[in-house]
Amino acid sequence: MPAPVDLAAAAAVIEPLLDAAAAMALRYFRSDLGVHDKGGAKGYDPVTEVDRGIETLLREGLAARFPSHAIVGEEHGTSGPADARASWIIDPIDGTRAFISGSPEWGTLVGLRVDGVPAAGWAEIPYLGERFSAVGGDGWFTRQGQRLPLRARPDATVANAILRCTHPAVFNAEERVAFKRLAGAVRLQRYGGDCYSYCLLALGLVDLVVESSLQAYDIVPLIPIIEAAGGIVTDLEGNAPLTGGIVVASANERLHDEAVAILRG
């Protein structure tokens, strides 16, 4: 029988690596960066050497400590044993467009999946000095030495909800119509945020986040954080969005059911 994955040991390794990644990102934020377009015919998709450098830093640190684990990153693909029980999912800068535009709403995402299930996740928001983490079902918000438990709003409904989405361009034409229905039913709707929108949901400040065209590294690290706060995140069919696609994150189950029903029409 394979040895269990030690989540506490995983946290002890990744947290100082996130400190180093944050320091690297801040050295180059709002500076004259070289920005490359990796999207090509699919459309503009910016990447910087900071994205690549942070992922390399994290990959090397994790591989040295956990050689039996796989690593999946946005910039450098997959490495490690093909049959690994544990896999690390890395988005070195979630919100590269925000990063190169000088907005503070970007972060580094790292998730740990065990036997295919998201078991731990971290969202580092360097410019704001904030870290959101969830390990084995316990979630925490850390800032300036203060550590508080995560808690989404248990009483939020569609009628009083705050809804966020990074940008309407993430939706196709059909999805845009569905999103407009939901946006018209909530109390307040705002654009922007990237990964930070999900973090605000886990703090009880945002109630719904709906997005599309996501990749696994955009959402898998955030699933444990949302769930540890009491929230729920699925696709429109109620499945865990382990491969990305369209994602609905909600502060509680009742709200989630209401929102999905409106989106599905």
C-alpha atoms as a PDB file:
ATOM      1  CA  MET A   1       0.000   0.000   0.000  1.00  0.00           C
ATOM      2  CA  PRO A   2       1.466   3.429  -0.956  1.00  0.00           C
ATOM      3  CA  ALA A   3       2.584   5.657   1.905  1.00  0.00           C
ATOM      4  CA  PRO A   4       0.158   8.475   2.773  1.00  0.00           C
ATOM      5  CA  VAL A   5       0.986  11.970   1.612  1.00  0.00           C
ATOM      6  CA  ASP A   6       2.052  14.160   4.557  1.00  0.00           C
ATOM      7  CA  LEU A   7       0.171  17.429   4.026  1.00  0.00           C
ATOM      8  CA  ALA A   8       1.863  19.127   6.979  1.00  0.00           C
ATOM      9  CA  ALA A   9       5.275  18.368   5.485  1.00  0.00           C
ATOM     10  CA  ALA A  10       4.070  19.667   2.133  1.00  0.00           C
ATOM     11  CA  ALA A  11       2.976  22.934   3.745  1.00  0.00           C
ATOM     12  CA  ALA A  12       6.304  23.286   5.548  1.00  0.00           C
ATOM     13  CA  VAL A  13       8.107  23.087   2.204  1.00  0.00           C
ATOM     14  CA  ILE A  14       5.868  25.236   0.016  1.00  0.00           C
ATOM     15  CA  GLU A  15       5.380  28.178   2.366  1.00  0.00           C
ATOM     16  CA  PRO A  16       9.017  29.402   2.380  1.00  0.00           C
ATOM     17  CA  LEU A  17       9.120  28.812  -1.372  1.00  0.00           C
ATOM     18  CA  LEU A  18       6.112  31.114  -1.700  1.00  0.00           C
ATOM     19  CA  ASP A  19       7.971  33.742   0.347  1.00  0.00           C
ATOM     20  CA  ALA A  20      10.833  33.567  -2.153  1.00  0.00           C
ATOM     21  CA  ALA A  21       8.436  33.655  -5.121  1.00  0.00           C
ATOM     22  CA  ALA A  22       6.704  36.747  -3.727  1.00  0.00           C
ATOM     23  CA  ALA A  23      10.023  38.519  -3.275  1.00  0.00           C
ATOM     24  CA  MET A  24      10.986  37.706  -6.866  1.00  0.00           C
ATOM     25  CA  ALA A  25       7.691  38.985  -8.250  1.00  0.00           C
ATOM     26  CA  LEU A  26       7.853  42.239  -6.286  1.00  0.00           C
ATOM     27  CA  ARG A  27      11.367  42.997  -7.534  1.00  0.00           C
ATOM     28  CA  TYR A  28       9.983  43.250 -11.067  1.00  0.00           C
ATOM     29  CA  PHE A  29       6.429  44.486 -10.513  1.00  0.00           C
ATOM     30  CA  ARG A  30       5.766  47.895 -12.116  1.00  0.00           C
ATOM     31  CA  SER A  31       9.154  47.802 -13.800  1.00  0.00           C
ATOM     32  CA  ASP A  32      10.137  47.757 -17.463  1.00  0.00           C
ATOM     33  CA  LEU A  33       9.450  44.081 -18.112  1.00  0.00           C
ATOM     34  CA  GLY A  34      10.004  42.160 -21.282  1.00  0.00           C
ATOM     35  CA  VAL A  35       6.569  40.800 -22.194  1.00  0.00           C
ATOM     36  CA  HIS A  36       6.150  38.015 -24.732  1.00  0.00           C
ATOM     37  CA  ASP A  37       3.005  36.798 -26.491  1.00  0.00           C
ATOM     38  CA  LYS A  38       2.596  33.022 -26.260  1.00  0.00           C
ATOM     39  CA  GLY A  39      -0.957  33.021 -27.634  1.00  0.00           C
ATOM     40  CA  GLY A  40      -0.194  33.365 -31.327  1.00  0.00           C
ATOM     41  CA  ALA A  41      -3.212  32.697 -33.539  1.00  0.00           C
ATOM     42  CA  LYS A  42      -5.371  31.993 -30.457  1.00  0.00           C
ATOM     43  CA  GLY A  43      -5.111  35.612 -29.322  1.00  0.00           C
ATOM     44  CA  TYR A  44      -2.889  37.678 -27.059  1.00  0.00           C
ATOM     45  CA  ASP A  45      -1.613  35.675 -24.078  1.00  0.00           C
ATOM     46  CA  PRO A  46       1.200  37.514 -22.287  1.00  0.00           C
ATOM     47  CA  VAL A  47       4.026  35.876 -20.368  1.00  0.00           C
ATOM     48  CA  THR A  48       7.079  37.406 -18.715  1.00  0.00           C
ATOM     49  CA  GLU A  49      10.407  36.071 -17.540  1.00  0.00           C
ATOM     50  CA  VAL A  50       9.059  36.547 -14.016  1.00  0.00           C
ATOM     51  CA  ASP A  51       6.325  33.954 -14.699  1.00  0.00           C
ATOM     52  CA  ARG A  52       8.953  31.520 -15.901  1.00  0.00           C
ATOM     53  CA  GLY A  53      11.404  32.334 -13.111  1.00  0.00           C
ATOM     54  CA  ILE A  54       8.858  31.849 -10.341  1.00  0.00           C
ATOM     55  CA  GLU A  55       7.725  28.537 -11.763  1.00  0.00           C
ATOM     56  CA  THR A  56      11.334  27.351 -12.024  1.00  0.00           C
ATOM     57  CA  LEU A  57      11.988  28.358  -8.410  1.00  0.00           C
ATOM     58  CA  LEU A  58       8.919  26.476  -7.172  1.00  0.00           C
ATOM     59  CA  ARG A  59       9.506  23.408  -9.357  1.00  0.00           C
ATOM     60  CA  GLU A  60      13.126  23.038  -8.290  1.00  0.00           C
ATOM     61  CA  GLY A  61      12.286  23.422  -4.604  1.00  0.00           C
ATOM     62  CA  LEU A  62       9.420  20.919  -4.728  1.00  0.00           C
ATOM     63  CA  ALA A  63      11.273  18.375  -6.868  1.00  0.00           C
ATOM     64  CA  ALA A  64      14.258  18.417  -4.501  1.00  0.00           C
ATOM     65  CA  ARG A  65      12.076  17.653  -1.491  1.00  0.00           C
ATOM     66  CA  PHE A  66       9.418  15.445  -3.106  1.00  0.00           C
ATOM     67  CA  PRO A  67      11.004  13.482  -5.973  1.00  0.00           C
ATOM     68  CA  SER A  68       8.100  10.998  -5.983  1.00  0.00           C
ATOM     69  CA  HIS A  69       5.576  13.759  -6.729  1.00  0.00           C
ATOM     70  CA  ALA A  70       4.570  15.022 -10.168  1.00  0.00           C
ATOM     71  CA  ILE A  71       4.620  18.734 -10.985  1.00  0.00           C
ATOM     72  CA  VAL A  72       2.294  20.443 -13.464  1.00  0.00           C
ATOM     73  CA  GLY A  73       2.961  24.082 -14.300  1.00  0.00           C
ATOM     74  CA  GLU A  74       1.547  26.635 -16.705  1.00  0.00           C
ATOM     75  CA  GLU A  75       4.879  27.560 -18.238  1.00  0.00           C
ATOM     76  CA  HIS A  76       6.998  24.391 -18.115  1.00  0.00           C
ATOM     77  CA  GLY A  77       4.511  21.546 -18.440  1.00  0.00           C
ATOM     78  CA  THR A  78       4.575  18.257 -16.534  1.00  0.00           C
ATOM     79  CA  SER A  79       7.493  16.520 -14.847  1.00  0.00           C
ATOM     80  CA  GLY A  80       7.975  13.722 -12.331  1.00  0.00           C
ATOM     81  CA  PRO A  81       6.658  10.152 -12.176  1.00  0.00           C
ATOM     82  CA  ALA A  82       3.687   9.458 -14.437  1.00  0.00           C
ATOM     83  CA  ASP A  83       2.090   7.258 -11.742  1.00  0.00           C
ATOM     84  CA  ALA A  84       2.623   9.671  -8.833  1.00  0.00           C
ATOM     85  CA  ARG A  85      -0.116   9.717  -6.179  1.00  0.00           C
ATOM     86  CA  ALA A  86       0.604  13.384  -5.465  1.00  0.00           C
ATOM     87  CA  SER A  87       0.887  16.163  -8.012  1.00  0.00           C
ATOM     88  CA  TRP A  88       1.647  19.839  -7.551  1.00  0.00           C
ATOM     89  CA  ILE A  89      -0.249  22.324  -9.745  1.00  0.00           C
ATOM     90  CA  ILE A  90       1.472  25.697 -10.289  1.00  0.00           C
ATOM     91  CA  ASP A  91       0.339  28.984 -11.781  1.00  0.00           C
ATOM     92  CA  PRO A  92       3.351  31.245 -11.174  1.00  0.00           C
ATOM     93  CA  ILE A  93       1.471  34.489 -11.856  1.00  0.00           C
ATOM     94  CA  ASP A  94      -2.265  34.148 -12.077  1.00  0.00           C
ATOM     95  CA  GLY A  95      -3.276  37.448 -13.598  1.00  0.00           C
ATOM     96  CA  THR A  96      -0.303  38.215 -15.830  1.00  0.00           C
ATOM     97  CA  ARG A  97      -2.397  40.852 -17.629  1.00  0.00           C
ATOM     98  CA  ALA A  98      -2.991  42.563 -14.273  1.00  0.00           C
ATOM     99  CA  PHE A  99       0.705  42.203 -13.402  1.00  0.00           C
ATOM    100  CA  ILE A 100       1.932  43.894 -16.575  1.00  0.00           C
ATOM    101  CA  SER A 101      -0.770  46.589 -16.212  1.00  0.00           C
ATOM    102  CA  GLY A 102       0.344  47.551 -12.692  1.00  0.00           C
ATOM    103  CA  SER A 103      -2.780  46.275 -10.932  1.00  0.00           C
ATOM    104  CA  PRO A 104      -2.205  44.585  -7.538  1.00  0.00           C
ATOM    105  CA  GLU A 105      -4.793  41.839  -8.093  1.00  0.00           C
ATOM    106  CA  TRP A 106      -2.495  38.989  -9.158  1.00  0.00           C
ATOM    107  CA  GLY A 107      -1.004  36.095  -7.299  1.00  0.00           C
ATOM    108  CA  THR A 108       0.922  32.847  -7.268  1.00  0.00           C
ATOM    109  CA  LEU A 109      -1.208  29.693  -7.051  1.00  0.00           C
ATOM    110  CA  VAL A 110      -0.004  26.294  -5.881  1.00  0.00           C
ATOM    111  CA  GLY A 111      -2.211  23.273  -5.342  1.00  0.00           C
ATOM    112  CA  LEU A 112      -1.513  19.737  -4.155  1.00  0.00           C
ATOM    113  CA  ARG A 113      -3.663  16.985  -5.599  1.00  0.00           C
ATOM    114  CA  VAL A 114      -3.629  13.529  -3.964  1.00  0.00           C
ATOM    115  CA  ASP A 115      -5.131  10.580  -5.830  1.00  0.00           C
ATOM    116  CA  GLY A 116      -6.729  13.077  -8.193  1.00  0.00           C
ATOM    117  CA  VAL A 117      -8.427  15.085  -5.414  1.00  0.00           C
ATOM    118  CA  PRO A 118      -7.374  18.662  -4.462  1.00  0.00           C
ATOM    119  CA  ALA A 119      -6.083  18.265  -0.896  1.00  0.00           C
ATOM    120  CA  ALA A 120      -4.283  21.564  -0.269  1.00  0.00           C
ATOM    121  CA  GLY A 121      -3.961  24.948  -1.911  1.00  0.00           C
ATOM    122  CA  TRP A 122      -2.190  28.267  -1.554  1.00  0.00           C
ATOM    123  CA  ALA A 123      -2.826  31.678  -3.093  1.00  0.00           C
ATOM    124  CA  GLU A 124      -0.029  34.183  -2.483  1.00  0.00           C
ATOM    125  CA  ILE A 125      -0.977  37.823  -3.198  1.00  0.00           C
ATOM    126  CA  PRO A 126       2.446  39.507  -2.977  1.00  0.00           C
ATOM    127  CA  TYR A 127       1.679  43.200  -3.448  1.00  0.00           C
ATOM    128  CA  LEU A 128      -1.015  43.087  -0.759  1.00  0.00           C
ATOM    129  CA  GLY A 129       1.094  40.917   1.546  1.00  0.00           C
ATOM    130  CA  GLU A 130      -1.679  38.338   1.847  1.00  0.00           C
ATOM    131  CA  ARG A 131      -1.684  34.540   1.794  1.00  0.00           C
ATOM    132  CA  PHE A 132      -4.694  32.257   1.569  1.00  0.00           C
ATOM    133  CA  SER A 133      -4.074  28.621   2.415  1.00  0.00           C
ATOM    134  CA  ALA A 134      -6.021  25.430   2.951  1.00  0.00           C
ATOM    135  CA  VAL A 135      -4.556  22.128   4.119  1.00  0.00           C
ATOM    136  CA  GLY A 136      -6.660  19.074   4.853  1.00  0.00           C
ATOM    137  CA  GLY A 137      -9.882  21.070   5.146  1.00  0.00           C
ATOM    138  CA  ASP A 138      -8.551  23.891   7.363  1.00  0.00           C
ATOM    139  CA  GLY A 139      -8.271  27.306   5.700  1.00  0.00           C
ATOM    140  CA  TRP A 140      -6.431  30.459   6.773  1.00  0.00           C
ATOM    141  CA  PHE A 141      -5.881  34.067   5.773  1.00  0.00           C
ATOM    142  CA  THR A 142      -2.509  35.505   6.787  1.00  0.00           C
ATOM    143  CA  ARG A 143      -1.431  39.136   6.627  1.00  0.00           C
ATOM    144  CA  GLN A 144       1.201  41.069   8.607  1.00  0.00           C
ATOM    145  CA  GLY A 145       1.492  38.312  11.199  1.00  0.00           C
ATOM    146  CA  GLN A 146      -2.263  38.018  11.673  1.00  0.00           C
ATOM    147  CA  ARG A 147      -3.823  34.614  10.968  1.00  0.00           C
ATOM    148  CA  LEU A 148      -7.573  34.286  10.633  1.00  0.00           C
ATOM    149  CA  PRO A 149      -9.811  31.378   9.620  1.00  0.00           C
ATOM    150  CA  LEU A 150     -11.524  31.577   6.244  1.00  0.00           C
ATOM    151  CA  ARG A 151     -15.313  31.809   6.235  1.00  0.00           C
ATOM    152  CA  ALA A 152     -17.595  32.436   3.269  1.00  0.00           C
ATOM    153  CA  ARG A 153     -21.015  34.001   3.871  1.00  0.00           C
ATOM    154  CA  PRO A 154     -23.374  31.158   4.885  1.00  0.00           C
ATOM    155  CA  ASP A 155     -26.531  33.261   4.458  1.00  0.00           C
ATOM    156  CA  ALA A 156     -25.829  34.783   1.024  1.00  0.00           C
ATOM    157  CA  THR A 157     -28.549  34.420  -1.604  1.00  0.00           C
ATOM    158  CA  VAL A 158     -28.656  35.529  -5.222  1.00  0.00           C
ATOM    159  CA  ALA A 159     -30.758  38.556  -4.281  1.00  0.00           C
ATOM    160  CA  ASN A 160     -28.115  39.969  -1.912  1.00  0.00           C
ATOM    161  CA  ALA A 161     -25.008  38.491  -3.533  1.00  0.00           C
ATOM    162  CA  ILE A 162     -21.871  40.229  -4.787  1.00  0.00           C
ATOM    163  CA  LEU A 163     -20.730  38.646  -8.057  1.00  0.00           C
ATOM    164  CA  ARG A 164     -17.290  38.928  -9.638  1.00  0.00           C
ATOM    165  CA  CYS A 165     -15.802  37.920 -12.972  1.00  0.00           C
ATOM    166  CA  THR A 166     -12.395  38.858 -14.346  1.00  0.00           C
ATOM    167  CA  HIS A 167     -13.686  40.021 -17.731  1.00  0.00           C
ATOM    168  CA  PRO A 168     -16.700  39.314 -19.985  1.00  0.00           C
ATOM    169  CA  ALA A 169     -14.347  38.286 -22.782  1.00  0.00           C
ATOM    170  CA  VAL A 170     -13.805  34.945 -21.019  1.00  0.00           C
ATOM    171  CA  PHE A 171     -17.300  33.853 -22.122  1.00  0.00           C
ATOM    172  CA  ASN A 172     -18.500  32.666 -25.500  1.00  0.00           C
ATOM    173  CA  ALA A 173     -21.731  34.149 -26.892  1.00  0.00           C
ATOM    174  CA  GLU A 174     -24.051  31.633 -25.210  1.00  0.00           C
ATOM    175  CA  GLU A 175     -22.247  31.863 -21.869  1.00  0.00           C
ATOM    176  CA  ARG A 176     -22.356  35.660 -22.027  1.00  0.00           C
ATOM    177  CA  VAL A 177     -26.158  35.583 -22.246  1.00  0.00           C
ATOM    178  CA  ALA A 178     -26.335  33.242 -19.244  1.00  0.00           C
ATOM    179  CA  PHE A 179     -23.915  35.394 -17.236  1.00  0.00           C
ATOM    180  CA  LYS A 180     -25.978  38.492 -18.002  1.00  0.00           C
ATOM    181  CA  ARG A 181     -29.057  36.756 -16.522  1.00  0.00           C
ATOM    182  CA  LEU A 182     -27.198  36.076 -13.298  1.00  0.00           C
ATOM    183  CA  ALA A 183     -25.605  39.537 -13.163  1.00  0.00           C
ATOM    184  CA  GLY A 184     -29.088  41.045 -13.453  1.00  0.00           C
ATOM    185  CA  ALA A 185     -30.329  39.034 -10.470  1.00  0.00           C
ATOM    186  CA  VAL A 186     -27.585  39.834  -7.924  1.00  0.00           C
ATOM    187  CA  ARG A 187     -27.200  42.933  -5.766  1.00  0.00           C
ATOM    188  CA  LEU A 188     -23.794  43.979  -7.126  1.00  0.00           C
ATOM    189  CA  GLN A 189     -21.532  42.826  -9.947  1.00  0.00           C
ATOM    190  CA  ARG A 190     -17.906  43.791 -10.527  1.00  0.00           C
ATOM    191  CA  TYR A 191     -15.212  42.872 -13.055  1.00  0.00           C
ATOM    192  CA  GLY A 192     -11.562  42.201 -12.308  1.00  0.00           C
ATOM    193  CA  GLY A 193      -9.719  40.110  -9.786  1.00  0.00           C
ATOM    194  CA  ASP A 194      -8.376  36.939 -11.409  1.00  0.00           C
ATOM    195  CA  CYS A 195      -7.507  34.579  -8.521  1.00  0.00           C
ATOM    196  CA  TYR A 196      -8.135  37.298  -5.942  1.00  0.00           C
ATOM    197  CA  SER A 197     -11.888  37.168  -6.540  1.00  0.00           C
ATOM    198  CA  TYR A 198     -11.956  33.601  -5.199  1.00  0.00           C
ATOM    199  CA  CYS A 199      -9.872  34.687  -2.210  1.00  0.00           C
ATOM    200  CA  LEU A 200     -12.375  37.437  -1.418  1.00  0.00           C
ATOM    201  CA  LEU A 201     -15.142  34.831  -1.554  1.00  0.00           C
ATOM    202  CA  ALA A 202     -13.248  32.794   1.048  1.00  0.00           C
ATOM    203  CA  LEU A 203     -13.072  35.941   3.230  1.00  0.00           C
ATOM    204  CA  GLY A 204     -16.837  36.470   3.062  1.00  0.00           C
ATOM    205  CA  LEU A 205     -16.593  39.668   0.997  1.00  0.00           C
ATOM    206  CA  VAL A 206     -17.666  38.274  -2.390  1.00  0.00           C
ATOM    207  CA  ASP A 207     -20.379  35.635  -2.774  1.00  0.00           C
ATOM    208  CA  LEU A 208     -20.168  34.416  -6.368  1.00  0.00           C
ATOM    209  CA  VAL A 209     -17.397  34.081  -8.938  1.00  0.00           C
ATOM    210  CA  VAL A 210     -18.270  32.859 -12.424  1.00  0.00           C
ATOM    211  CA  GLU A 211     -15.684  32.411 -15.165  1.00  0.00           C
ATOM    212  CA  SER A 212     -14.981  30.359 -18.267  1.00  0.00           C
ATOM    213  CA  SER A 213     -12.010  29.285 -20.389  1.00  0.00           C
ATOM    214  CA  LEU A 214      -9.979  28.382 -17.298  1.00  0.00           C
ATOM    215  CA  GLN A 215      -7.160  25.856 -17.183  1.00  0.00           C
ATOM    216  CA  ALA A 216      -6.526  23.391 -14.347  1.00  0.00           C
ATOM    217  CA  TYR A 217      -3.769  25.552 -12.866  1.00  0.00           C
ATOM    218  CA  ASP A 218      -6.200  28.516 -12.694  1.00  0.00           C
ATOM    219  CA  ILE A 219      -8.668  26.761 -10.386  1.00  0.00           C
ATOM    220  CA  VAL A 220      -7.353  23.533  -8.805  1.00  0.00           C
ATOM    221  CA  PRO A 221      -5.212  25.382  -6.187  1.00  0.00           C
ATOM    222  CA  LEU A 222      -8.258  27.486  -5.233  1.00  0.00           C
ATOM    223  CA  ILE A 223     -10.705  24.598  -4.730  1.00  0.00           C
ATOM    224  CA  PRO A 224      -9.391  23.639  -1.233  1.00  0.00           C
ATOM    225  CA  ILE A 225      -9.418  27.313  -0.194  1.00  0.00           C
ATOM    226  CA  ILE A 226     -13.032  27.827  -1.243  1.00  0.00           C
ATOM    227  CA  GLU A 227     -14.186  24.564   0.311  1.00  0.00           C
ATOM    228  CA  ALA A 228     -12.322  25.188   3.593  1.00  0.00           C
ATOM    229  CA  ALA A 229     -14.239  28.480   3.855  1.00  0.00           C
ATOM    230  CA  GLY A 230     -17.548  26.626   3.514  1.00  0.00           C
ATOM    231  CA  GLY A 231     -18.028  27.470  -0.153  1.00  0.00           C
ATOM    232  CA  ILE A 232     -18.595  25.261  -3.151  1.00  0.00           C
ATOM    233  CA  VAL A 233     -17.093  25.294  -6.643  1.00  0.00           C
ATOM    234  CA  THR A 234     -18.233  23.201  -9.629  1.00  0.00           C
ATOM    235  CA  ASP A 235     -18.920  23.370 -13.328  1.00  0.00           C
ATOM    236  CA  LEU A 236     -22.504  23.771 -14.607  1.00  0.00           C
ATOM    237  CA  GLU A 237     -23.080  20.018 -14.294  1.00  0.00           C
ATOM    238  CA  GLY A 238     -22.111  19.963 -10.622  1.00  0.00           C
ATOM    239  CA  ASN A 239     -18.713  18.325 -11.148  1.00  0.00           C
ATOM    240  CA  ALA A 240     -15.446  19.474  -9.631  1.00  0.00           C
ATOM    241  CA  PRO A 241     -13.740  21.631 -12.299  1.00  0.00           C
ATOM    242  CA  LEU A 242     -10.452  19.724 -12.197  1.00  0.00           C
ATOM    243  CA  THR A 243      -9.615  20.546 -15.802  1.00  0.00           C
ATOM    244  CA  GLY A 244     -10.850  24.144 -15.786  1.00  0.00           C
ATOM    245  CA  GLY A 245     -13.508  25.214 -18.291  1.00  0.00           C
ATOM    246  CA  ILE A 246     -16.525  27.063 -16.899  1.00  0.00           C
ATOM    247  CA  VAL A 247     -16.431  27.523 -13.130  1.00  0.00           C
ATOM    248  CA  VAL A 248     -19.059  28.619 -10.615  1.00  0.00           C
ATOM    249  CA  ALA A 249     -17.817  29.357  -7.095  1.00  0.00           C
ATOM    250  CA  SER A 250     -20.368  30.183  -4.411  1.00  0.00           C
ATOM    251  CA  ALA A 251     -20.349  31.070  -0.734  1.00  0.00           C
ATOM    252  CA  ASN A 252     -22.802  28.322   0.208  1.00  0.00           C
ATOM    253  CA  GLU A 253     -24.731  25.433  -1.292  1.00  0.00           C
ATOM    254  CA  ARG A 254     -28.134  27.151  -1.481  1.00  0.00           C
ATOM    255  CA  LEU A 255     -26.633  30.120  -3.324  1.00  0.00           C
ATOM    256  CA  HIS A 256     -24.776  27.757  -5.618  1.00  0.00           C
ATOM    257  CA  ASP A 257     -27.955  25.912  -6.572  1.00  0.00           C
ATOM    258  CA  GLU A 258     -29.723  29.206  -7.286  1.00  0.00           C
ATOM    259  CA  ALA A 259     -26.873  30.582  -9.381  1.00  0.00           C
ATOM    260  CA  VAL A 260     -26.400  27.410 -11.436  1.00  0.00           C
ATOM    261  CA  ALA A 261     -30.145  27.234 -12.132  1.00  0.00           C
ATOM    262  CA  ILE A 262     -30.112  30.817 -13.458  1.00  0.00           C
ATOM    263  CA  LEU A 263     -27.024  30.182 -15.564  1.00  0.00           C
ATOM    264  CA  ARG A 264     -28.523  27.050 -17.062  1.00  0.00           C
ATOM    265  CA  GLY A 265     -31.772  28.917 -17.804  1.00  0.00           C
END
